[in-house]
Amino acid sequence: MELHDLRPAPGANKDRKRLGRGSGSGHGTTAGKGTKGQKARSGGGTRPGFEGGQMPLNRRLPKRGFNNARFATVFETVNLDTINDVYSAGEVVNFESLCEKGLAKGNKDGIKILGNGEISKKLKFEVDKMSGSAKEKAEAAGCEVTILG
């Protein structure tokens, strides 16, 4: 047996239902949707959570407490090993350079450097936050660390 002889087992692959292709196909006219009604129309059916006009569960249950999601500060995270791979010695690691090199998108509230991996180059960090392990590793490698605002 050769590679070009391989075929799926008989009956393993079924042809898809071709809807609305004439009455001879068995799925013409109404295309398997029955006759009339909300589910027969385009875009038919109800939205998720709809209970036929009854007050839906998500509106029946009380909303209590405080959720910080709206006010939370969300940081983009970058690991030391990634920075070590992309940057050369003497460069400045800041928001602009991280965006240029494609390590950050810039759609969050700031940049945080995490300590995953090792760093072997002398760099200058100007970031919003830095984890304790990342700061230790960076300073041990002779990097200059500046935490902004």
N, C-alpha and C. Protein backbone atom coordinates (compact mmCIF):
# COMPACT_ATOMS: atom_id res chain seq x y z
N MET A 1 0.84 -1.19 0.00
CA MET A 1 0.00 0.00 0.00
C MET A 1 0.88 1.25 0.00
N GLU A 2 0.54 2.19 -0.83
CA GLU A 2 1.28 3.44 -0.94
C GLU A 2 0.42 4.58 -0.36
N LEU A 3 1.05 5.72 -0.21
CA LEU A 3 0.36 6.88 0.37
C LEU A 3 -0.84 7.32 -0.48
N HIS A 4 -0.69 7.21 -1.81
CA HIS A 4 -1.78 7.63 -2.69
C HIS A 4 -2.95 6.63 -2.71
N ASP A 5 -2.76 5.46 -2.11
CA ASP A 5 -3.84 4.45 -2.07
C ASP A 5 -4.78 4.65 -0.87
N LEU A 6 -4.39 5.50 0.08
CA LEU A 6 -5.19 5.68 1.30
C LEU A 6 -6.52 6.34 0.98
N ARG A 7 -7.58 5.79 1.51
CA ARG A 7 -8.93 6.33 1.34
C ARG A 7 -9.67 6.20 2.66
N PRO A 8 -10.64 7.07 2.94
CA PRO A 8 -11.44 6.88 4.14
C PRO A 8 -12.27 5.61 4.03
N ALA A 9 -12.60 5.02 5.18
CA ALA A 9 -13.40 3.80 5.18
C ALA A 9 -14.75 4.09 4.54
N PRO A 10 -15.35 3.09 3.84
CA PRO A 10 -16.66 3.34 3.22
C PRO A 10 -17.70 3.74 4.27
N GLY A 11 -18.42 4.84 3.97
CA GLY A 11 -19.45 5.33 4.89
C GLY A 11 -18.92 6.28 5.95
N ALA A 12 -17.61 6.52 5.98
CA ALA A 12 -17.03 7.40 7.00
C ALA A 12 -17.35 8.86 6.70
N ASN A 13 -17.39 9.24 5.43
CA ASN A 13 -17.66 10.62 5.04
C ASN A 13 -19.03 10.72 4.38
N LYS A 14 -19.89 11.55 4.97
CA LYS A 14 -21.22 11.75 4.38
C LYS A 14 -21.24 13.06 3.61
N ASP A 15 -22.02 13.11 2.53
CA ASP A 15 -22.19 14.36 1.81
C ASP A 15 -23.04 15.30 2.66
N ARG A 16 -22.75 16.60 2.59
CA ARG A 16 -23.53 17.54 3.38
C ARG A 16 -24.90 17.73 2.75
N LYS A 17 -25.85 18.16 3.58
CA LYS A 17 -27.22 18.42 3.12
C LYS A 17 -27.21 19.70 2.30
N ARG A 18 -27.58 19.63 1.02
CA ARG A 18 -27.64 20.84 0.19
C ARG A 18 -29.06 21.35 0.19
N LEU A 19 -29.28 22.40 0.99
CA LEU A 19 -30.64 22.90 1.22
C LEU A 19 -31.08 23.85 0.12
N GLY A 20 -32.38 23.83 -0.16
CA GLY A 20 -32.96 24.78 -1.11
C GLY A 20 -32.48 24.60 -2.52
N ARG A 21 -32.30 23.35 -2.98
CA ARG A 21 -31.81 23.10 -4.34
C ARG A 21 -32.86 22.34 -5.16
N GLY A 22 -34.11 22.70 -4.99
CA GLY A 22 -35.18 22.09 -5.81
C GLY A 22 -35.83 20.92 -5.12
N SER A 23 -37.06 20.63 -5.55
CA SER A 23 -37.86 19.60 -4.88
C SER A 23 -37.29 18.21 -5.09
N GLY A 24 -36.54 17.98 -6.15
CA GLY A 24 -35.96 16.66 -6.41
C GLY A 24 -34.90 16.28 -5.39
N SER A 25 -34.30 17.27 -4.71
CA SER A 25 -33.24 16.98 -3.76
C SER A 25 -33.79 16.47 -2.43
N GLY A 26 -35.07 16.69 -2.19
CA GLY A 26 -35.65 16.30 -0.91
C GLY A 26 -35.52 17.38 0.15
N HIS A 27 -34.75 18.43 -0.18
CA HIS A 27 -34.59 19.55 0.77
C HIS A 27 -34.85 20.87 0.06
N GLY A 28 -35.82 20.88 -0.85
CA GLY A 28 -36.14 22.11 -1.58
C GLY A 28 -37.17 22.92 -0.83
N THR A 29 -37.83 23.81 -1.51
CA THR A 29 -38.89 24.72 -1.02
C THR A 29 -38.58 25.30 0.36
N THR A 30 -38.93 24.63 1.45
CA THR A 30 -38.72 25.21 2.78
C THR A 30 -37.35 24.88 3.36
N ALA A 31 -36.54 24.12 2.66
CA ALA A 31 -35.17 23.80 3.05
C ALA A 31 -35.08 23.15 4.42
N GLY A 32 -36.02 22.27 4.74
CA GLY A 32 -35.97 21.53 5.99
C GLY A 32 -36.39 22.32 7.21
N LYS A 33 -36.96 23.53 7.01
CA LYS A 33 -37.34 24.36 8.14
C LYS A 33 -38.82 24.25 8.49
N GLY A 34 -39.53 23.35 7.83
CA GLY A 34 -40.97 23.26 8.10
C GLY A 34 -41.71 24.39 7.42
N THR A 35 -42.92 24.70 7.90
CA THR A 35 -43.71 25.74 7.26
C THR A 35 -43.97 26.89 8.21
N LYS A 36 -43.60 28.07 7.81
CA LYS A 36 -43.87 29.32 8.54
C LYS A 36 -43.36 29.30 9.99
N GLY A 37 -43.62 30.37 10.67
CA GLY A 37 -43.21 30.48 12.07
C GLY A 37 -41.88 31.18 12.23
N GLN A 38 -41.60 31.56 13.48
CA GLN A 38 -40.41 32.34 13.79
C GLN A 38 -39.12 31.63 13.38
N LYS A 39 -39.03 30.33 13.59
CA LYS A 39 -37.79 29.61 13.30
C LYS A 39 -37.60 29.34 11.81
N ALA A 40 -38.62 29.57 10.99
CA ALA A 40 -38.49 29.39 9.55
C ALA A 40 -37.93 30.65 8.89
N ARG A 41 -38.00 31.79 9.58
CA ARG A 41 -37.55 33.06 8.99
C ARG A 41 -36.03 33.20 9.07
N SER A 42 -35.50 34.11 8.27
CA SER A 42 -34.06 34.36 8.35
C SER A 42 -33.79 35.07 9.67
N GLY A 43 -32.73 34.66 10.33
CA GLY A 43 -32.42 35.22 11.65
C GLY A 43 -33.42 34.78 12.69
N GLY A 44 -34.18 33.72 12.38
CA GLY A 44 -35.26 33.28 13.27
C GLY A 44 -34.75 32.70 14.55
N GLY A 45 -35.63 32.57 15.52
CA GLY A 45 -35.25 32.07 16.83
C GLY A 45 -35.17 33.22 17.80
N THR A 46 -34.81 32.90 19.03
CA THR A 46 -34.76 33.91 20.08
C THR A 46 -33.34 34.10 20.54
N ARG A 47 -33.11 35.20 21.21
CA ARG A 47 -31.76 35.47 21.74
C ARG A 47 -31.48 34.55 22.92
N PRO A 48 -30.22 34.32 23.25
CA PRO A 48 -29.90 33.48 24.40
C PRO A 48 -30.47 34.07 25.69
N GLY A 49 -31.09 33.24 26.50
CA GLY A 49 -31.65 33.71 27.76
C GLY A 49 -33.10 34.11 27.68
N PHE A 50 -33.66 34.11 26.47
CA PHE A 50 -35.07 34.51 26.32
C PHE A 50 -35.96 33.40 26.84
N GLU A 51 -36.97 33.76 27.65
CA GLU A 51 -37.83 32.77 28.28
C GLU A 51 -39.29 32.97 27.87
N GLY A 52 -39.51 33.35 26.64
CA GLY A 52 -40.89 33.46 26.14
C GLY A 52 -41.67 34.61 26.74
N GLY A 53 -41.02 35.65 27.14
CA GLY A 53 -41.71 36.79 27.73
C GLY A 53 -41.69 36.77 29.25
N GLN A 54 -41.47 35.60 29.84
CA GLN A 54 -41.30 35.53 31.30
C GLN A 54 -40.03 36.30 31.67
N MET A 55 -40.03 36.92 32.84
CA MET A 55 -38.85 37.67 33.29
C MET A 55 -37.65 36.73 33.34
N PRO A 56 -36.60 36.99 32.55
CA PRO A 56 -35.47 36.06 32.46
C PRO A 56 -34.71 35.95 33.79
N LEU A 57 -34.04 34.81 33.93
CA LEU A 57 -33.33 34.50 35.16
C LEU A 57 -32.32 35.58 35.53
N ASN A 58 -31.57 36.07 34.53
CA ASN A 58 -30.54 37.07 34.83
C ASN A 58 -31.14 38.39 35.32
N ARG A 59 -32.43 38.64 35.07
CA ARG A 59 -33.07 39.84 35.60
C ARG A 59 -33.84 39.55 36.88
N ARG A 60 -34.18 38.27 37.12
CA ARG A 60 -34.90 37.91 38.36
C ARG A 60 -33.97 37.89 39.56
N LEU A 61 -32.70 37.54 39.34
CA LEU A 61 -31.77 37.41 40.45
C LEU A 61 -31.26 38.79 40.88
N PRO A 62 -31.10 39.01 42.20
CA PRO A 62 -30.64 40.31 42.67
C PRO A 62 -29.17 40.54 42.34
N LYS A 63 -28.83 41.78 42.07
CA LYS A 63 -27.45 42.17 41.83
C LYS A 63 -26.95 42.81 43.12
N ARG A 64 -25.90 42.21 43.71
CA ARG A 64 -25.41 42.74 44.97
C ARG A 64 -23.89 42.83 44.94
N GLY A 65 -23.38 43.73 45.75
CA GLY A 65 -21.94 43.83 45.94
C GLY A 65 -21.26 44.70 44.91
N PHE A 66 -19.97 44.80 45.07
CA PHE A 66 -19.14 45.65 44.22
C PHE A 66 -18.26 44.79 43.34
N ASN A 67 -18.13 45.17 42.09
CA ASN A 67 -17.24 44.48 41.16
C ASN A 67 -16.23 45.49 40.64
N ASN A 68 -14.97 45.18 40.84
CA ASN A 68 -13.91 46.14 40.49
C ASN A 68 -13.50 46.09 39.02
N ALA A 69 -14.12 45.19 38.23
CA ALA A 69 -13.69 44.99 36.84
C ALA A 69 -13.67 46.30 36.04
N ARG A 70 -14.63 47.18 36.30
CA ARG A 70 -14.72 48.42 35.54
C ARG A 70 -13.60 49.39 35.88
N PHE A 71 -13.07 49.31 37.11
CA PHE A 71 -12.10 50.28 37.60
C PHE A 71 -10.69 49.72 37.72
N ALA A 72 -10.52 48.42 37.49
CA ALA A 72 -9.23 47.77 37.72
C ALA A 72 -8.18 48.27 36.73
N THR A 73 -6.94 48.31 37.18
CA THR A 73 -5.81 48.65 36.32
C THR A 73 -5.28 47.35 35.74
N VAL A 74 -5.29 47.24 34.42
CA VAL A 74 -4.87 46.01 33.75
C VAL A 74 -3.54 46.28 33.06
N PHE A 75 -2.55 45.43 33.36
CA PHE A 75 -1.22 45.60 32.79
C PHE A 75 -0.96 44.56 31.71
N GLU A 76 -0.19 44.99 30.69
CA GLU A 76 0.33 44.04 29.71
C GLU A 76 1.59 43.42 30.30
N THR A 77 1.71 42.11 30.23
CA THR A 77 2.85 41.45 30.86
C THR A 77 3.85 40.98 29.81
N VAL A 78 5.12 41.17 30.13
CA VAL A 78 6.21 40.72 29.27
C VAL A 78 7.23 40.02 30.17
N ASN A 79 7.72 38.86 29.75
CA ASN A 79 8.69 38.10 30.54
C ASN A 79 10.12 38.48 30.19
N LEU A 80 11.01 38.28 31.16
CA LEU A 80 12.43 38.62 30.97
C LEU A 80 13.08 37.83 29.84
N ASP A 81 12.73 36.54 29.71
CA ASP A 81 13.36 35.74 28.65
C ASP A 81 13.02 36.27 27.26
N THR A 82 11.80 36.77 27.09
CA THR A 82 11.39 37.35 25.80
C THR A 82 12.18 38.62 25.52
N ILE A 83 12.33 39.45 26.54
CA ILE A 83 13.10 40.69 26.39
C ILE A 83 14.55 40.36 26.07
N ASN A 84 15.10 39.36 26.72
CA ASN A 84 16.50 38.95 26.49
C ASN A 84 16.71 38.51 25.05
N ASP A 85 15.71 37.84 24.46
CA ASP A 85 15.82 37.36 23.07
C ASP A 85 15.76 38.51 22.06
N VAL A 86 14.95 39.52 22.35
CA VAL A 86 14.63 40.56 21.35
C VAL A 86 15.56 41.78 21.43
N TYR A 87 15.98 42.15 22.64
CA TYR A 87 16.78 43.36 22.83
C TYR A 87 18.27 43.06 22.81
N SER A 88 19.05 44.06 22.38
CA SER A 88 20.50 43.95 22.45
C SER A 88 21.00 44.85 23.58
N ALA A 89 22.21 44.62 24.03
CA ALA A 89 22.76 45.32 25.19
C ALA A 89 22.73 46.83 25.00
N GLY A 90 22.40 47.54 26.09
CA GLY A 90 22.40 49.01 26.07
C GLY A 90 21.09 49.64 25.64
N GLU A 91 20.12 48.86 25.16
CA GLU A 91 18.85 49.41 24.71
C GLU A 91 17.95 49.76 25.89
N VAL A 92 16.97 50.63 25.61
CA VAL A 92 16.00 51.04 26.62
C VAL A 92 14.73 50.21 26.43
N VAL A 93 14.27 49.58 27.52
CA VAL A 93 13.03 48.81 27.49
C VAL A 93 11.93 49.69 28.07
N ASN A 94 11.10 50.24 27.20
CA ASN A 94 9.96 51.06 27.65
C ASN A 94 8.75 50.75 26.79
N PHE A 95 7.66 51.44 27.05
CA PHE A 95 6.40 51.19 26.35
C PHE A 95 6.56 51.29 24.82
N GLU A 96 7.22 52.35 24.37
CA GLU A 96 7.36 52.59 22.92
C GLU A 96 8.19 51.49 22.26
N SER A 97 9.31 51.12 22.88
CA SER A 97 10.18 50.11 22.25
C SER A 97 9.53 48.72 22.28
N LEU A 98 8.77 48.42 23.34
CA LEU A 98 8.06 47.14 23.40
C LEU A 98 7.00 47.05 22.30
N CYS A 99 6.31 48.15 22.04
CA CYS A 99 5.30 48.19 20.96
C CYS A 99 5.97 48.03 19.60
N GLU A 100 7.09 48.72 19.39
CA GLU A 100 7.83 48.64 18.12
C GLU A 100 8.26 47.21 17.82
N LYS A 101 8.71 46.50 18.85
CA LYS A 101 9.21 45.13 18.67
C LYS A 101 8.10 44.09 18.71
N GLY A 102 6.84 44.53 18.89
CA GLY A 102 5.70 43.63 18.85
C GLY A 102 5.49 42.82 20.12
N LEU A 103 6.08 43.25 21.23
CA LEU A 103 5.90 42.54 22.49
C LEU A 103 4.72 43.07 23.29
N ALA A 104 4.22 44.26 22.92
CA ALA A 104 3.06 44.84 23.59
C ALA A 104 2.17 45.50 22.55
N LYS A 105 0.88 45.46 22.79
CA LYS A 105 -0.07 46.07 21.85
C LYS A 105 -0.39 47.50 22.22
N GLY A 106 -0.33 47.83 23.51
CA GLY A 106 -0.61 49.20 23.93
C GLY A 106 -2.07 49.47 24.17
N ASN A 107 -2.88 48.41 24.36
CA ASN A 107 -4.31 48.62 24.58
C ASN A 107 -4.69 48.45 26.06
N LYS A 108 -3.69 48.42 26.95
CA LYS A 108 -3.97 48.26 28.38
C LYS A 108 -3.44 49.48 29.13
N ASP A 109 -3.44 49.40 30.47
CA ASP A 109 -3.12 50.58 31.28
C ASP A 109 -1.63 50.75 31.56
N GLY A 110 -0.82 49.78 31.22
CA GLY A 110 0.61 49.90 31.48
C GLY A 110 1.33 48.60 31.18
N ILE A 111 2.65 48.61 31.46
CA ILE A 111 3.49 47.45 31.19
C ILE A 111 4.03 46.92 32.52
N LYS A 112 3.99 45.59 32.68
CA LYS A 112 4.59 44.95 33.85
C LYS A 112 5.55 43.88 33.36
N ILE A 113 6.76 43.90 33.90
CA ILE A 113 7.77 42.92 33.54
C ILE A 113 7.74 41.79 34.57
N LEU A 114 7.64 40.56 34.08
CA LEU A 114 7.62 39.39 34.96
C LEU A 114 8.95 38.65 34.88
N GLY A 115 9.28 37.91 35.95
CA GLY A 115 10.60 37.31 36.08
C GLY A 115 10.78 35.92 35.52
N ASN A 116 10.02 35.54 34.51
CA ASN A 116 10.17 34.21 33.92
C ASN A 116 11.38 34.21 32.99
N GLY A 117 12.33 33.33 33.24
CA GLY A 117 13.53 33.26 32.41
C GLY A 117 14.67 34.05 33.03
N GLU A 118 15.77 34.16 32.29
CA GLU A 118 16.96 34.86 32.76
C GLU A 118 17.28 36.01 31.82
N ILE A 119 18.03 36.98 32.34
CA ILE A 119 18.48 38.10 31.50
C ILE A 119 19.99 38.19 31.61
N SER A 120 20.66 38.35 30.46
CA SER A 120 22.12 38.35 30.46
C SER A 120 22.69 39.64 29.88
N LYS A 121 21.83 40.57 29.47
CA LYS A 121 22.29 41.81 28.83
C LYS A 121 22.03 43.00 29.74
N LYS A 122 22.88 44.02 29.63
CA LYS A 122 22.67 45.25 30.40
C LYS A 122 21.66 46.11 29.65
N LEU A 123 20.49 46.26 30.23
CA LEU A 123 19.44 47.06 29.60
C LEU A 123 18.99 48.14 30.57
N LYS A 124 18.23 49.09 30.04
CA LYS A 124 17.66 50.14 30.89
C LYS A 124 16.14 49.98 30.86
N PHE A 125 15.54 49.65 31.99
CA PHE A 125 14.10 49.44 32.09
C PHE A 125 13.41 50.71 32.54
N GLU A 126 12.39 51.14 31.80
CA GLU A 126 11.53 52.27 32.19
C GLU A 126 10.09 51.79 32.03
N VAL A 127 9.57 51.11 33.06
CA VAL A 127 8.24 50.49 32.97
C VAL A 127 7.37 50.89 34.15
N ASP A 128 6.08 50.57 34.05
CA ASP A 128 5.12 50.94 35.09
C ASP A 128 5.24 50.05 36.32
N LYS A 129 5.48 48.75 36.10
CA LYS A 129 5.59 47.80 37.21
C LYS A 129 6.59 46.72 36.87
N MET A 130 7.12 46.11 37.93
CA MET A 130 8.07 45.02 37.73
C MET A 130 7.94 44.08 38.92
N SER A 131 7.86 42.79 38.66
CA SER A 131 7.74 41.83 39.76
C SER A 131 9.04 41.80 40.53
N GLY A 132 8.96 41.33 41.78
CA GLY A 132 10.15 41.29 42.63
C GLY A 132 11.25 40.45 42.05
N SER A 133 10.91 39.26 41.53
CA SER A 133 11.92 38.36 40.97
C SER A 133 12.56 38.97 39.72
N ALA A 134 11.75 39.66 38.91
CA ALA A 134 12.27 40.29 37.69
C ALA A 134 13.25 41.40 38.06
N LYS A 135 12.90 42.17 39.09
CA LYS A 135 13.77 43.27 39.51
C LYS A 135 15.11 42.73 40.03
N GLU A 136 15.06 41.66 40.84
CA GLU A 136 16.28 41.05 41.37
C GLU A 136 17.17 40.56 40.24
N LYS A 137 16.58 39.84 39.28
CA LYS A 137 17.35 39.29 38.16
C LYS A 137 17.96 40.40 37.30
N ALA A 138 17.17 41.46 37.06
CA ALA A 138 17.64 42.57 36.22
C ALA A 138 18.80 43.30 36.90
N GLU A 139 18.66 43.57 38.18
CA GLU A 139 19.72 44.29 38.91
C GLU A 139 20.97 43.42 39.04
N ALA A 140 20.79 42.11 39.18
CA ALA A 140 21.93 41.18 39.25
C ALA A 140 22.70 41.17 37.93
N ALA A 141 21.97 41.37 36.80
CA ALA A 141 22.60 41.39 35.48
C ALA A 141 23.18 42.75 35.15
N GLY A 142 23.02 43.74 36.08
CA GLY A 142 23.60 45.08 35.87
C GLY A 142 22.66 46.00 35.13
N CYS A 143 21.38 45.70 35.09
CA CYS A 143 20.40 46.55 34.41
C CYS A 143 20.01 47.73 35.30
N GLU A 144 19.63 48.82 34.67
CA GLU A 144 19.15 50.00 35.38
C GLU A 144 17.62 49.94 35.36
N VAL A 145 16.99 49.98 36.53
CA VAL A 145 15.53 49.83 36.62
C VAL A 145 14.91 51.13 37.12
N THR A 146 13.96 51.66 36.32
CA THR A 146 13.20 52.85 36.72
C THR A 146 11.72 52.50 36.66
N ILE A 147 11.04 52.62 37.80
CA ILE A 147 9.60 52.36 37.85
C ILE A 147 8.89 53.70 37.70
N LEU A 148 8.04 53.82 36.69
CA LEU A 148 7.36 55.08 36.40
C LEU A 148 6.14 55.27 37.30
N GLY A 149 5.79 56.54 37.52
CA GLY A 149 4.59 57.00 38.22
C GLY A 149 3.93 55.99 39.05
